[in-house]
């Protein structure tokens, strides 16, 4: 099956979302097509042109955006003065709602990869009326257990890389949250400390990906590397800001702190997705599977389907994963009851 041909946006802009932030967005495909929005990973990776190709351009109105602090959005997280306190899950969800209304969309399919799956799930749980379907890959839920696995648990599988990873930290910071400890380094006023920490963090991320996709080449860009490490550790070190009340929107507003503390909030609230169809595409070698998260989510979410692709890790670009994702968007393109405009 494979990806659809390359296309270019027919519209783009910068949306003022408040807090001094402007978010880059673009739209491609069919202006009258079924709306879909792409949520990139990281947090902090930014959207890539290749994401446009998971959708039939004749059937979809495809919306891409760079989340706060990354890609073409401003201010950029690589800039030391950028205020990261206003970069939270609640605010990203509020940004999605602002963009949806700005583009005159009533409901849209939400497509997410890795961190984008966490954001997409939480968005759908808090704003189910805005989401027609979910298509997710490299599935995660943002729990403390997942962060602990990725930052410490995999040290048993990659001991040499893990030794280098913790060696960058002061000895007193090696027993607690490694993500929070690294976040303190990338927030250091010393640019050399920030640069070394960003390199060590991305070296570890590269080490734990069984078959690194081409996207890891971006880690060689010091600007991207710092912004990425700063954003990921900001979220990882703060329980992904799950359980916060949402800053904007008319969805299910959750009390601040309710279900927080790094608990499996997204998994707990899976029943809220009962009216939202979804497809989960997961590589059988994705290390996130060690906690059984995607299987538990699938069984707790009525109406979801799980497609497991053999011999593939955390890689949305792998052939079998691509085919399953495109098959899902093709199938959902035919669903009715998803009007384009408010």
C-alpha atoms as a PDB file:
ATOM      1  CA  UNK A   1       0.000   0.000   0.000  1.00  0.00           C
ATOM      2  CA  UNK A   2       2.611   2.565   1.074  1.00  0.00           C
ATOM      3  CA  UNK A   3       2.386   6.310   1.553  1.00  0.00           C
ATOM      4  CA  UNK A   4       0.499   8.728  -0.665  1.00  0.00           C
ATOM      5  CA  UNK A   5       2.558  11.021  -2.950  1.00  0.00           C
ATOM      6  CA  UNK A   6       4.217  14.128  -1.570  1.00  0.00           C
ATOM      7  CA  UNK A   7       2.027  17.228  -1.415  1.00  0.00           C
ATOM      8  CA  UNK A   8       2.433  20.848  -0.375  1.00  0.00           C
ATOM      9  CA  UNK A   9       0.182  22.970   1.873  1.00  0.00           C
ATOM     10  CA  UNK A  10      -2.394  25.212   0.262  1.00  0.00           C
ATOM     11  CA  UNK A  11      -2.641  27.351   3.395  1.00  0.00           C
ATOM     12  CA  UNK A  12      -0.547  28.049   6.482  1.00  0.00           C
ATOM     13  CA  UNK A  13      -0.184  30.576   9.266  1.00  0.00           C
ATOM     14  CA  UNK A  14       0.859  31.447  12.801  1.00  0.00           C
ATOM     15  CA  UNK A  15      -1.852  31.264  15.461  1.00  0.00           C
ATOM     16  CA  UNK A  16      -1.577  33.444  18.574  1.00  0.00           C
ATOM     17  CA  UNK A  17      -2.451  31.024  21.384  1.00  0.00           C
ATOM     18  CA  UNK A  18      -1.640  33.336  24.272  1.00  0.00           C
ATOM     19  CA  UNK A  19       1.152  33.254  26.844  1.00  0.00           C
ATOM     20  CA  UNK A  20       3.375  34.948  24.265  1.00  0.00           C
ATOM     21  CA  UNK A  21       3.245  31.842  22.016  1.00  0.00           C
ATOM     22  CA  UNK A  22       2.485  31.607  18.305  1.00  0.00           C
ATOM     23  CA  UNK A  23       1.856  28.153  16.839  1.00  0.00           C
ATOM     24  CA  UNK A  24       2.663  27.286  13.228  1.00  0.00           C
ATOM     25  CA  UNK A  25      -0.062  25.441  11.296  1.00  0.00           C
ATOM     26  CA  UNK A  26      -0.592  24.299   7.728  1.00  0.00           C
ATOM     27  CA  UNK A  27      -3.356  22.657   5.716  1.00  0.00           C
ATOM     28  CA  UNK A  28      -3.056  20.436   2.655  1.00  0.00           C
ATOM     29  CA  UNK A  29      -5.168  18.013   0.665  1.00  0.00           C
ATOM     30  CA  UNK A  30      -8.817  18.674  -0.237  1.00  0.00           C
ATOM     31  CA  UNK A  31     -10.274  21.895   1.250  1.00  0.00           C
ATOM     32  CA  UNK A  32     -13.686  20.167   1.315  1.00  0.00           C
ATOM     33  CA  UNK A  33     -12.361  16.855   2.566  1.00  0.00           C
ATOM     34  CA  UNK A  34     -12.736  15.131   5.909  1.00  0.00           C
ATOM     35  CA  UNK A  35     -10.728  17.106   8.493  1.00  0.00           C
ATOM     36  CA  UNK A  36      -7.766  15.423  10.194  1.00  0.00           C
ATOM     37  CA  UNK A  37      -5.107  16.832  12.506  1.00  0.00           C
ATOM     38  CA  UNK A  38      -1.608  15.404  12.996  1.00  0.00           C
ATOM     39  CA  UNK A  39      -0.008  15.389  16.464  1.00  0.00           C
ATOM     40  CA  UNK A  40       3.754  14.866  16.318  1.00  0.00           C
ATOM     41  CA  UNK A  41       5.899  13.126  18.892  1.00  0.00           C
ATOM     42  CA  UNK A  42       8.607  14.155  21.302  1.00  0.00           C
ATOM     43  CA  UNK A  43       7.309  16.211  23.005  1.00  0.00           C
ATOM     44  CA  UNK A  44       9.202  18.747  20.944  1.00  0.00           C
ATOM     45  CA  UNK A  45       9.883  16.916  17.668  1.00  0.00           C
ATOM     46  CA  UNK A  46       7.857  19.192  15.414  1.00  0.00           C
ATOM     47  CA  UNK A  47       5.821  18.119  12.396  1.00  0.00           C
ATOM     48  CA  UNK A  48       7.523  16.653   9.337  1.00  0.00           C
ATOM     49  CA  UNK A  49       6.275  16.886   5.724  1.00  0.00           C
ATOM     50  CA  UNK A  50       6.117  13.092   5.556  1.00  0.00           C
ATOM     51  CA  UNK A  51       3.142  13.072   7.921  1.00  0.00           C
ATOM     52  CA  UNK A  52       1.008  14.554   5.138  1.00  0.00           C
ATOM     53  CA  UNK A  53       1.399  11.322   3.189  1.00  0.00           C
ATOM     54  CA  UNK A  54      -0.548   9.067   5.593  1.00  0.00           C
ATOM     55  CA  UNK A  55      -3.811  10.489   4.196  1.00  0.00           C
ATOM     56  CA  UNK A  56      -5.539  10.356   0.826  1.00  0.00           C
ATOM     57  CA  UNK A  57      -5.192  14.002  -0.311  1.00  0.00           C
ATOM     58  CA  UNK A  58      -8.389  13.742  -2.344  1.00  0.00           C
ATOM     59  CA  UNK A  59     -10.385  12.643   0.695  1.00  0.00           C
ATOM     60  CA  UNK A  60      -8.845  14.602   3.583  1.00  0.00           C
ATOM     61  CA  UNK A  61      -8.315  18.174   4.689  1.00  0.00           C
ATOM     62  CA  UNK A  62      -5.040  17.542   6.522  1.00  0.00           C
ATOM     63  CA  UNK A  63      -3.964  19.903   9.307  1.00  0.00           C
ATOM     64  CA  UNK A  64      -0.422  19.839  10.677  1.00  0.00           C
ATOM     65  CA  UNK A  65       0.985  21.997  13.469  1.00  0.00           C
ATOM     66  CA  UNK A  66       4.162  22.445  15.450  1.00  0.00           C
ATOM     67  CA  UNK A  67       3.298  22.299  19.139  1.00  0.00           C
ATOM     68  CA  UNK A  68       4.512  25.056  21.455  1.00  0.00           C
ATOM     69  CA  UNK A  69       8.241  25.683  21.531  1.00  0.00           C
ATOM     70  CA  UNK A  70       9.244  23.514  18.571  1.00  0.00           C
ATOM     71  CA  UNK A  71       9.497  23.508  14.796  1.00  0.00           C
ATOM     72  CA  UNK A  72       8.374  26.820  13.364  1.00  0.00           C
ATOM     73  CA  UNK A  73       6.374  27.860  16.438  1.00  0.00           C
ATOM     74  CA  UNK A  74       7.656  30.711  18.580  1.00  0.00           C
ATOM     75  CA  UNK A  75       9.293  31.296  20.967  1.00  0.00           C
ATOM     76  CA  UNK A  76      11.538  28.268  20.450  1.00  0.00           C
ATOM     77  CA  UNK A  77      12.525  26.045  23.356  1.00  0.00           C
ATOM     78  CA  UNK A  78      16.174  26.259  22.293  1.00  0.00           C
ATOM     79  CA  UNK A  79      16.177  29.884  23.457  1.00  0.00           C
ATOM     80  CA  UNK A  80      17.098  30.010  27.131  1.00  0.00           C
ATOM     81  CA  UNK A  81      14.647  32.831  27.905  1.00  0.00           C
ATOM     82  CA  UNK A  82      11.651  30.861  26.594  1.00  0.00           C
ATOM     83  CA  UNK A  83       9.166  30.310  29.425  1.00  0.00           C
ATOM     84  CA  UNK A  84       8.543  26.573  29.646  1.00  0.00           C
ATOM     85  CA  UNK A  85       6.013  26.931  32.474  1.00  0.00           C
ATOM     86  CA  UNK A  86       3.341  27.748  29.879  1.00  0.00           C
ATOM     87  CA  UNK A  87       4.121  24.620  27.855  1.00  0.00           C
ATOM     88  CA  UNK A  88       1.832  21.969  29.374  1.00  0.00           C
ATOM     89  CA  UNK A  89      -0.602  19.311  28.189  1.00  0.00           C
ATOM     90  CA  UNK A  90      -3.579  21.448  29.161  1.00  0.00           C
ATOM     91  CA  UNK A  91      -2.308  24.365  27.118  1.00  0.00           C
ATOM     92  CA  UNK A  92      -1.520  22.187  24.098  1.00  0.00           C
ATOM     93  CA  UNK A  93      -5.089  20.894  24.216  1.00  0.00           C
ATOM     94  CA  UNK A  94      -6.326  24.472  24.442  1.00  0.00           C
ATOM     95  CA  UNK A  95      -4.195  25.303  21.391  1.00  0.00           C
ATOM     96  CA  UNK A  96      -5.869  22.495  19.433  1.00  0.00           C
ATOM     97  CA  UNK A  97      -9.277  23.874  20.271  1.00  0.00           C
ATOM     98  CA  UNK A  98      -8.261  27.386  19.204  1.00  0.00           C
ATOM     99  CA  UNK A  99      -6.919  26.054  15.903  1.00  0.00           C
ATOM    100  CA  UNK A 100      -9.989  23.901  15.274  1.00  0.00           C
ATOM    101  CA  UNK A 101     -12.236  26.921  15.673  1.00  0.00           C
ATOM    102  CA  UNK A 102      -9.888  29.157  13.683  1.00  0.00           C
ATOM    103  CA  UNK A 103     -10.174  26.750  10.733  1.00  0.00           C
ATOM    104  CA  UNK A 104     -13.945  26.385  11.103  1.00  0.00           C
ATOM    105  CA  UNK A 105     -13.827  22.646  11.780  1.00  0.00           C
ATOM    106  CA  UNK A 106     -16.548  20.933  13.799  1.00  0.00           C
ATOM    107  CA  UNK A 107     -14.869  17.548  14.297  1.00  0.00           C
ATOM    108  CA  UNK A 108     -11.648  16.058  13.049  1.00  0.00           C
ATOM    109  CA  UNK A 109      -9.821  12.758  12.989  1.00  0.00           C
ATOM    110  CA  UNK A 110      -6.842  12.898  15.339  1.00  0.00           C
ATOM    111  CA  UNK A 111      -3.665  11.137  14.148  1.00  0.00           C
ATOM    112  CA  UNK A 112      -0.848  10.870  16.687  1.00  0.00           C
ATOM    113  CA  UNK A 113       2.562   9.259  16.999  1.00  0.00           C
ATOM    114  CA  UNK A 114       4.377   8.489  20.283  1.00  0.00           C
ATOM    115  CA  UNK A 115       3.884  11.556  22.535  1.00  0.00           C
ATOM    116  CA  UNK A 116       1.248  12.587  19.982  1.00  0.00           C
ATOM    117  CA  UNK A 117      -0.733   9.517  20.991  1.00  0.00           C
ATOM    118  CA  UNK A 118      -0.697  10.659  24.635  1.00  0.00           C
ATOM    119  CA  UNK A 119      -1.849  14.128  23.639  1.00  0.00           C
ATOM    120  CA  UNK A 120      -4.448  12.749  21.231  1.00  0.00           C
ATOM    121  CA  UNK A 121      -5.903  10.388  23.803  1.00  0.00           C
ATOM    122  CA  UNK A 122      -6.154  13.089  26.459  1.00  0.00           C
ATOM    123  CA  UNK A 123      -7.636  15.529  23.965  1.00  0.00           C
ATOM    124  CA  UNK A 124     -10.295  13.000  22.963  1.00  0.00           C
ATOM    125  CA  UNK A 125     -11.051  12.184  26.609  1.00  0.00           C
ATOM    126  CA  UNK A 126     -11.581  15.839  27.495  1.00  0.00           C
ATOM    127  CA  UNK A 127     -13.154  16.978  24.199  1.00  0.00           C
ATOM    128  CA  UNK A 128     -14.879  13.877  22.769  1.00  0.00           C
ATOM    129  CA  UNK A 129     -17.295  15.968  20.723  1.00  0.00           C
ATOM    130  CA  UNK A 130     -14.414  17.414  18.712  1.00  0.00           C
ATOM    131  CA  UNK A 131     -12.875  14.062  17.740  1.00  0.00           C
ATOM    132  CA  UNK A 132     -14.407  11.855  15.040  1.00  0.00           C
ATOM    133  CA  UNK A 133     -11.760   9.083  15.198  1.00  0.00           C
ATOM    134  CA  UNK A 134      -8.295   8.384  16.559  1.00  0.00           C
ATOM    135  CA  UNK A 135      -5.423   6.779  14.637  1.00  0.00           C
ATOM    136  CA  UNK A 136      -2.391   6.271  16.879  1.00  0.00           C
ATOM    137  CA  UNK A 137       0.997   4.596  16.609  1.00  0.00           C
ATOM    138  CA  UNK A 138       3.979   4.158  18.933  1.00  0.00           C
ATOM    139  CA  UNK A 139       1.268   4.241  21.567  1.00  0.00           C
ATOM    140  CA  UNK A 140       2.001   5.643  25.024  1.00  0.00           C
ATOM    141  CA  UNK A 141      -0.106   7.054  27.855  1.00  0.00           C
ATOM    142  CA  UNK A 142       2.398   9.275  29.682  1.00  0.00           C
ATOM    143  CA  UNK A 143       2.426   7.467  33.026  1.00  0.00           C
ATOM    144  CA  UNK A 144       5.336   7.574  35.483  1.00  0.00           C
ATOM    145  CA  UNK A 145       5.864   3.846  34.916  1.00  0.00           C
ATOM    146  CA  UNK A 146       6.508   4.484  31.219  1.00  0.00           C
ATOM    147  CA  UNK A 147       8.943   7.306  31.935  1.00  0.00           C
ATOM    148  CA  UNK A 148      10.773   5.147  34.481  1.00  0.00           C
ATOM    149  CA  UNK A 149      11.035   2.331  31.949  1.00  0.00           C
ATOM    150  CA  UNK A 150      12.462   4.617  29.252  1.00  0.00           C
ATOM    151  CA  UNK A 151      14.921   6.432  31.504  1.00  0.00           C
ATOM    152  CA  UNK A 152      16.007   3.737  33.948  1.00  0.00           C
ATOM    153  CA  UNK A 153      14.435   0.345  33.264  1.00  0.00           C
ATOM    154  CA  UNK A 154      16.017  -0.051  29.831  1.00  0.00           C
ATOM    155  CA  UNK A 155      19.405   0.399  31.465  1.00  0.00           C
ATOM    156  CA  UNK A 156      19.423  -3.371  32.021  1.00  0.00           C
ATOM    157  CA  UNK A 157      19.099  -3.922  28.280  1.00  0.00           C
ATOM    158  CA  UNK A 158      21.562  -1.209  27.258  1.00  0.00           C
ATOM    159  CA  UNK A 159      24.013  -1.137  30.193  1.00  0.00           C
ATOM    160  CA  UNK A 160      26.900   0.558  28.389  1.00  0.00           C
ATOM    161  CA  UNK A 161      24.731   3.362  27.013  1.00  0.00           C
ATOM    162  CA  UNK A 162      23.024   3.718  30.395  1.00  0.00           C
ATOM    163  CA  UNK A 163      26.345   4.120  32.158  1.00  0.00           C
ATOM    164  CA  UNK A 164      27.185   7.018  29.846  1.00  0.00           C
ATOM    165  CA  UNK A 165      23.687   8.443  30.339  1.00  0.00           C
ATOM    166  CA  UNK A 166      23.882   8.651  34.150  1.00  0.00           C
ATOM    167  CA  UNK A 167      27.553   9.686  34.155  1.00  0.00           C
ATOM    168  CA  UNK A 168      26.531  13.146  32.958  1.00  0.00           C
ATOM    169  CA  UNK A 169      24.497  13.692  36.145  1.00  0.00           C
ATOM    170  CA  UNK A 170      25.821  14.815  39.524  1.00  0.00           C
ATOM    171  CA  UNK A 171      26.030  11.793  41.833  1.00  0.00           C
ATOM    172  CA  UNK A 172      23.293  13.138  44.075  1.00  0.00           C
ATOM    173  CA  UNK A 173      20.844  13.177  41.145  1.00  0.00           C
ATOM    174  CA  UNK A 174      21.321   9.593  39.999  1.00  0.00           C
ATOM    175  CA  UNK A 175      18.866   7.922  42.374  1.00  0.00           C
ATOM    176  CA  UNK A 176      15.730   9.983  41.765  1.00  0.00           C
ATOM    177  CA  UNK A 177      13.908  10.934  38.578  1.00  0.00           C
ATOM    178  CA  UNK A 178      16.498  10.944  35.817  1.00  0.00           C
ATOM    179  CA  UNK A 179      14.236  13.027  33.598  1.00  0.00           C
ATOM    180  CA  UNK A 180      13.864  15.713  36.272  1.00  0.00           C
ATOM    181  CA  UNK A 181      17.614  15.657  36.895  1.00  0.00           C
ATOM    182  CA  UNK A 182      18.326  16.165  33.197  1.00  0.00           C
ATOM    183  CA  UNK A 183      15.740  18.918  33.050  1.00  0.00           C
ATOM    184  CA  UNK A 184      17.678  20.795  35.714  1.00  0.00           C
ATOM    185  CA  UNK A 185      20.789  20.527  33.540  1.00  0.00           C
ATOM    186  CA  UNK A 186      19.117  21.759  30.357  1.00  0.00           C
ATOM    187  CA  UNK A 187      17.714  24.687  32.356  1.00  0.00           C
ATOM    188  CA  UNK A 188      21.188  25.639  33.599  1.00  0.00           C
ATOM    189  CA  UNK A 189      22.279  29.243  32.928  1.00  0.00           C
ATOM    190  CA  UNK A 190      25.563  27.803  31.629  1.00  0.00           C
ATOM    191  CA  UNK A 191      25.215  27.135  27.868  1.00  0.00           C
ATOM    192  CA  UNK A 192      27.953  24.481  27.946  1.00  0.00           C
ATOM    193  CA  UNK A 193      26.075  22.524  30.631  1.00  0.00           C
ATOM    194  CA  UNK A 194      22.881  22.762  28.598  1.00  0.00           C
ATOM    195  CA  UNK A 195      24.623  21.593  25.434  1.00  0.00           C
ATOM    196  CA  UNK A 196      26.325  18.606  27.090  1.00  0.00           C
ATOM    197  CA  UNK A 197      23.085  17.524  28.750  1.00  0.00           C
ATOM    198  CA  UNK A 198      21.128  17.778  25.516  1.00  0.00           C
ATOM    199  CA  UNK A 199      23.720  15.643  23.729  1.00  0.00           C
ATOM    200  CA  UNK A 200      23.714  13.008  26.489  1.00  0.00           C
ATOM    201  CA  UNK A 201      19.919  12.868  26.509  1.00  0.00           C
ATOM    202  CA  UNK A 202      19.577  12.417  22.742  1.00  0.00           C
ATOM    203  CA  UNK A 203      22.421   9.864  22.709  1.00  0.00           C
ATOM    204  CA  UNK A 204      20.397   7.803  25.183  1.00  0.00           C
ATOM    205  CA  UNK A 205      17.209   8.143  23.123  1.00  0.00           C
ATOM    206  CA  UNK A 206      19.113   6.972  20.051  1.00  0.00           C
ATOM    207  CA  UNK A 207      20.572   4.006  21.952  1.00  0.00           C
ATOM    208  CA  UNK A 208      17.190   2.628  23.039  1.00  0.00           C
ATOM    209  CA  UNK A 209      15.613   2.684  19.566  1.00  0.00           C
ATOM    210  CA  UNK A 210      16.270  -0.804  18.083  1.00  0.00           C
ATOM    211  CA  UNK A 211      16.248   0.403  14.470  1.00  0.00           C
ATOM    212  CA  UNK A 212      16.730   4.189  14.496  1.00  0.00           C
ATOM    213  CA  UNK A 213      14.608   5.957  11.886  1.00  0.00           C
ATOM    214  CA  UNK A 214      16.116   8.723   9.808  1.00  0.00           C
ATOM    215  CA  UNK A 215      14.569  11.258  12.160  1.00  0.00           C
ATOM    216  CA  UNK A 216      17.417  10.753  14.643  1.00  0.00           C
ATOM    217  CA  UNK A 217      19.643  12.641  12.193  1.00  0.00           C
ATOM    218  CA  UNK A 218      18.004  15.779  13.575  1.00  0.00           C
ATOM    219  CA  UNK A 219      19.860  15.177  16.826  1.00  0.00           C
ATOM    220  CA  UNK A 220      23.002  16.365  15.044  1.00  0.00           C
ATOM    221  CA  UNK A 221      21.484  19.843  14.857  1.00  0.00           C
ATOM    222  CA  UNK A 222      22.420  21.541  18.158  1.00  0.00           C
ATOM    223  CA  UNK A 223      19.388  23.847  18.037  1.00  0.00           C
ATOM    224  CA  UNK A 224      16.942  20.991  17.526  1.00  0.00           C
ATOM    225  CA  UNK A 225      18.801  18.850  20.066  1.00  0.00           C
ATOM    226  CA  UNK A 226      18.562  21.412  22.851  1.00  0.00           C
ATOM    227  CA  UNK A 227      14.921  22.291  22.207  1.00  0.00           C
ATOM    228  CA  UNK A 228      13.978  18.619  22.044  1.00  0.00           C
ATOM    229  CA  UNK A 229      15.836  17.607  25.212  1.00  0.00           C
ATOM    230  CA  UNK A 230      14.501  20.618  27.093  1.00  0.00           C
ATOM    231  CA  UNK A 231      10.901  19.889  26.096  1.00  0.00           C
ATOM    232  CA  UNK A 232      11.009  16.117  26.654  1.00  0.00           C
ATOM    233  CA  UNK A 233      12.600  16.391  30.089  1.00  0.00           C
ATOM    234  CA  UNK A 234      10.151  19.182  30.996  1.00  0.00           C
ATOM    235  CA  UNK A 235       7.237  16.809  30.328  1.00  0.00           C
ATOM    236  CA  UNK A 236       8.878  13.592  31.547  1.00  0.00           C
ATOM    237  CA  UNK A 237       9.997  15.280  34.766  1.00  0.00           C
ATOM    238  CA  UNK A 238       6.518  16.640  35.498  1.00  0.00           C
ATOM    239  CA  UNK A 239       4.302  13.591  34.920  1.00  0.00           C
ATOM    240  CA  UNK A 240       3.398  14.987  31.488  1.00  0.00           C
ATOM    241  CA  UNK A 241       1.209  17.524  33.308  1.00  0.00           C
ATOM    242  CA  UNK A 242      -1.630  15.031  33.315  1.00  0.00           C
ATOM    243  CA  UNK A 243      -4.433  15.658  35.759  1.00  0.00           C
ATOM    244  CA  UNK A 244      -4.368  19.419  35.262  1.00  0.00           C
ATOM    245  CA  UNK A 245      -7.565  21.317  34.686  1.00  0.00           C
ATOM    246  CA  UNK A 246      -7.702  22.552  31.100  1.00  0.00           C
ATOM    247  CA  UNK A 247      -7.044  26.191  30.411  1.00  0.00           C
ATOM    248  CA  UNK A 248      -9.632  26.465  27.630  1.00  0.00           C
ATOM    249  CA  UNK A 249     -12.277  24.446  25.894  1.00  0.00           C
ATOM    250  CA  UNK A 250     -15.764  23.142  26.528  1.00  0.00           C
ATOM    251  CA  UNK A 251     -14.876  19.533  27.184  1.00  0.00           C
ATOM    252  CA  UNK A 252     -14.688  17.568  30.410  1.00  0.00           C
ATOM    253  CA  UNK A 253     -12.722  19.851  32.704  1.00  0.00           C
ATOM    254  CA  UNK A 254     -10.820  17.849  35.298  1.00  0.00           C
ATOM    255  CA  UNK A 255      -9.957  19.158  38.718  1.00  0.00           C
ATOM    256  CA  UNK A 256      -6.335  20.167  39.075  1.00  0.00           C
ATOM    257  CA  UNK A 257      -4.422  17.273  40.556  1.00  0.00           C
ATOM    258  CA  UNK A 258      -7.274  14.797  40.074  1.00  0.00           C
ATOM    259  CA  UNK A 259      -5.640  11.541  39.093  1.00  0.00           C
ATOM    260  CA  UNK A 260      -2.248  13.239  38.797  1.00  0.00           C
ATOM    261  CA  UNK A 261       0.998  12.310  40.461  1.00  0.00           C
ATOM    262  CA  UNK A 262       2.059  10.242  37.485  1.00  0.00           C
ATOM    263  CA  UNK A 263      -0.741   7.726  37.800  1.00  0.00           C
ATOM    264  CA  UNK A 264      -2.126   6.056  34.670  1.00  0.00           C
ATOM    265  CA  UNK A 265      -4.633   8.860  34.094  1.00  0.00           C
ATOM    266  CA  UNK A 266      -5.097   8.242  30.363  1.00  0.00           C
ATOM    267  CA  UNK A 267      -5.516   4.510  30.871  1.00  0.00           C
ATOM    268  CA  UNK A 268      -7.902   5.066  33.776  1.00  0.00           C
ATOM    269  CA  UNK A 269     -10.089   7.325  31.659  1.00  0.00           C
ATOM    270  CA  UNK A 270     -10.153   5.035  28.608  1.00  0.00           C
ATOM    271  CA  UNK A 271     -13.925   4.419  29.047  1.00  0.00           C
ATOM    272  CA  UNK A 272     -14.478   8.098  28.166  1.00  0.00           C
ATOM    273  CA  UNK A 273     -13.529   7.112  24.602  1.00  0.00           C
ATOM    274  CA  UNK A 274     -16.510   4.792  24.237  1.00  0.00           C
ATOM    275  CA  UNK A 275     -18.080   6.909  21.498  1.00  0.00           C
ATOM    276  CA  UNK A 276     -14.825   7.542  19.612  1.00  0.00           C
ATOM    277  CA  UNK A 277     -13.669   4.817  17.174  1.00  0.00           C
ATOM    278  CA  UNK A 278      -9.945   4.288  17.037  1.00  0.00           C
ATOM    279  CA  UNK A 279      -7.086   2.272  15.594  1.00  0.00           C
ATOM    280  CA  UNK A 280      -3.886   1.509  17.517  1.00  0.00           C
ATOM    281  CA  UNK A 281      -0.914   0.431  15.375  1.00  0.00           C
ATOM    282  CA  UNK A 282       1.997  -0.943  17.367  1.00  0.00           C
ATOM    283  CA  UNK A 283       5.306  -2.556  16.509  1.00  0.00           C
ATOM    284  CA  UNK A 284       5.810  -5.836  18.355  1.00  0.00           C
ATOM    285  CA  UNK A 285       9.352  -4.744  19.332  1.00  0.00           C
ATOM    286  CA  UNK A 286       8.352  -1.331  20.713  1.00  0.00           C
ATOM    287  CA  UNK A 287       9.884  -1.253  24.214  1.00  0.00           C
ATOM    288  CA  UNK A 288       6.765   0.483  25.507  1.00  0.00           C
ATOM    289  CA  UNK A 289       5.085  -2.906  25.138  1.00  0.00           C
ATOM    290  CA  UNK A 290       7.042  -4.228  28.128  1.00  0.00           C
ATOM    291  CA  UNK A 291       4.435  -2.640  30.401  1.00  0.00           C
ATOM    292  CA  UNK A 292       1.496  -3.944  28.383  1.00  0.00           C
ATOM    293  CA  UNK A 293       0.118  -0.426  28.011  1.00  0.00           C
ATOM    294  CA  UNK A 294      -1.233  -0.706  24.473  1.00  0.00           C
ATOM    295  CA  UNK A 295      -3.004  -4.003  25.203  1.00  0.00           C
ATOM    296  CA  UNK A 296      -4.543  -2.643  28.397  1.00  0.00           C
ATOM    297  CA  UNK A 297      -5.674   0.497  26.606  1.00  0.00           C
ATOM    298  CA  UNK A 298      -7.231  -1.517  23.790  1.00  0.00           C
ATOM    299  CA  UNK A 299      -9.201  -3.714  26.189  1.00  0.00           C
ATOM    300  CA  UNK A 300     -10.358  -0.724  28.246  1.00  0.00           C
ATOM    301  CA  UNK A 301     -11.456   1.273  25.185  1.00  0.00           C
ATOM    302  CA  UNK A 302     -14.692   0.081  23.609  1.00  0.00           C
ATOM    303  CA  UNK A 303     -14.642   0.343  19.846  1.00  0.00           C
ATOM    304  CA  UNK A 304     -10.863   0.366  19.428  1.00  0.00           C
ATOM    305  CA  UNK A 305      -8.898  -2.001  17.236  1.00  0.00           C
ATOM    306  CA  UNK A 306      -5.293  -3.044  17.783  1.00  0.00           C
ATOM    307  CA  UNK A 307      -2.971  -3.870  14.900  1.00  0.00           C
ATOM    308  CA  UNK A 308       0.380  -5.368  15.947  1.00  0.00           C
ATOM    309  CA  UNK A 309       3.115  -5.316  13.317  1.00  0.00           C
ATOM    310  CA  UNK A 310       5.744  -8.024  13.791  1.00  0.00           C
ATOM    311  CA  UNK A 311       9.479  -7.320  13.995  1.00  0.00           C
ATOM    312  CA  UNK A 312       9.061  -3.526  14.194  1.00  0.00           C
ATOM    313  CA  UNK A 313      10.033  -1.190  17.010  1.00  0.00           C
ATOM    314  CA  UNK A 314       9.049   2.411  17.795  1.00  0.00           C
ATOM    315  CA  UNK A 315       9.003   3.479  14.145  1.00  0.00           C
ATOM    316  CA  UNK A 316       6.029   5.026  12.343  1.00  0.00           C
ATOM    317  CA  UNK A 317       7.945   4.803   9.058  1.00  0.00           C
ATOM    318  CA  UNK A 318       8.349   1.019   9.008  1.00  0.00           C
ATOM    319  CA  UNK A 319       6.632  -0.625   6.041  1.00  0.00           C
ATOM    320  CA  UNK A 320       4.068  -2.672   7.962  1.00  0.00           C
ATOM    321  CA  UNK A 321       3.222   0.238  10.232  1.00  0.00           C
ATOM    322  CA  UNK A 322       2.774   2.595   7.285  1.00  0.00           C
ATOM    323  CA  UNK A 323       0.438   0.135   5.576  1.00  0.00           C
ATOM    324  CA  UNK A 324      -1.698  -0.279   8.693  1.00  0.00           C
ATOM    325  CA  UNK A 325      -1.909   3.462   9.323  1.00  0.00           C
ATOM    326  CA  UNK A 326      -2.856   4.260   5.718  1.00  0.00           C
ATOM    327  CA  UNK A 327      -5.422   1.458   5.738  1.00  0.00           C
ATOM    328  CA  UNK A 328      -6.970   3.020   8.843  1.00  0.00           C
ATOM    329  CA  UNK A 329      -7.175   6.543   7.412  1.00  0.00           C
ATOM    330  CA  UNK A 330      -8.549   5.153   4.137  1.00  0.00           C
ATOM    331  CA  UNK A 331     -11.257   3.290   6.024  1.00  0.00           C
ATOM    332  CA  UNK A 332     -12.206   6.258   8.204  1.00  0.00           C
ATOM    333  CA  UNK A 333     -12.360   8.542   5.166  1.00  0.00           C
ATOM    334  CA  UNK A 334     -15.606   6.842   4.210  1.00  0.00           C
ATOM    335  CA  UNK A 335     -17.292   7.386   7.604  1.00  0.00           C
ATOM    336  CA  UNK A 336     -20.143   9.860   7.563  1.00  0.00           C
ATOM    337  CA  UNK A 337     -21.331  12.267  10.203  1.00  0.00           C
ATOM    338  CA  UNK A 338     -18.152  14.367  10.251  1.00  0.00           C
ATOM    339  CA  UNK A 339     -18.959  17.817   8.967  1.00  0.00           C
ATOM    340  CA  UNK A 340     -16.127  20.022   7.799  1.00  0.00           C
ATOM    341  CA  UNK A 341     -17.200  23.372   9.165  1.00  0.00           C
ATOM    342  CA  UNK A 342     -18.729  24.752  12.354  1.00  0.00           C
END
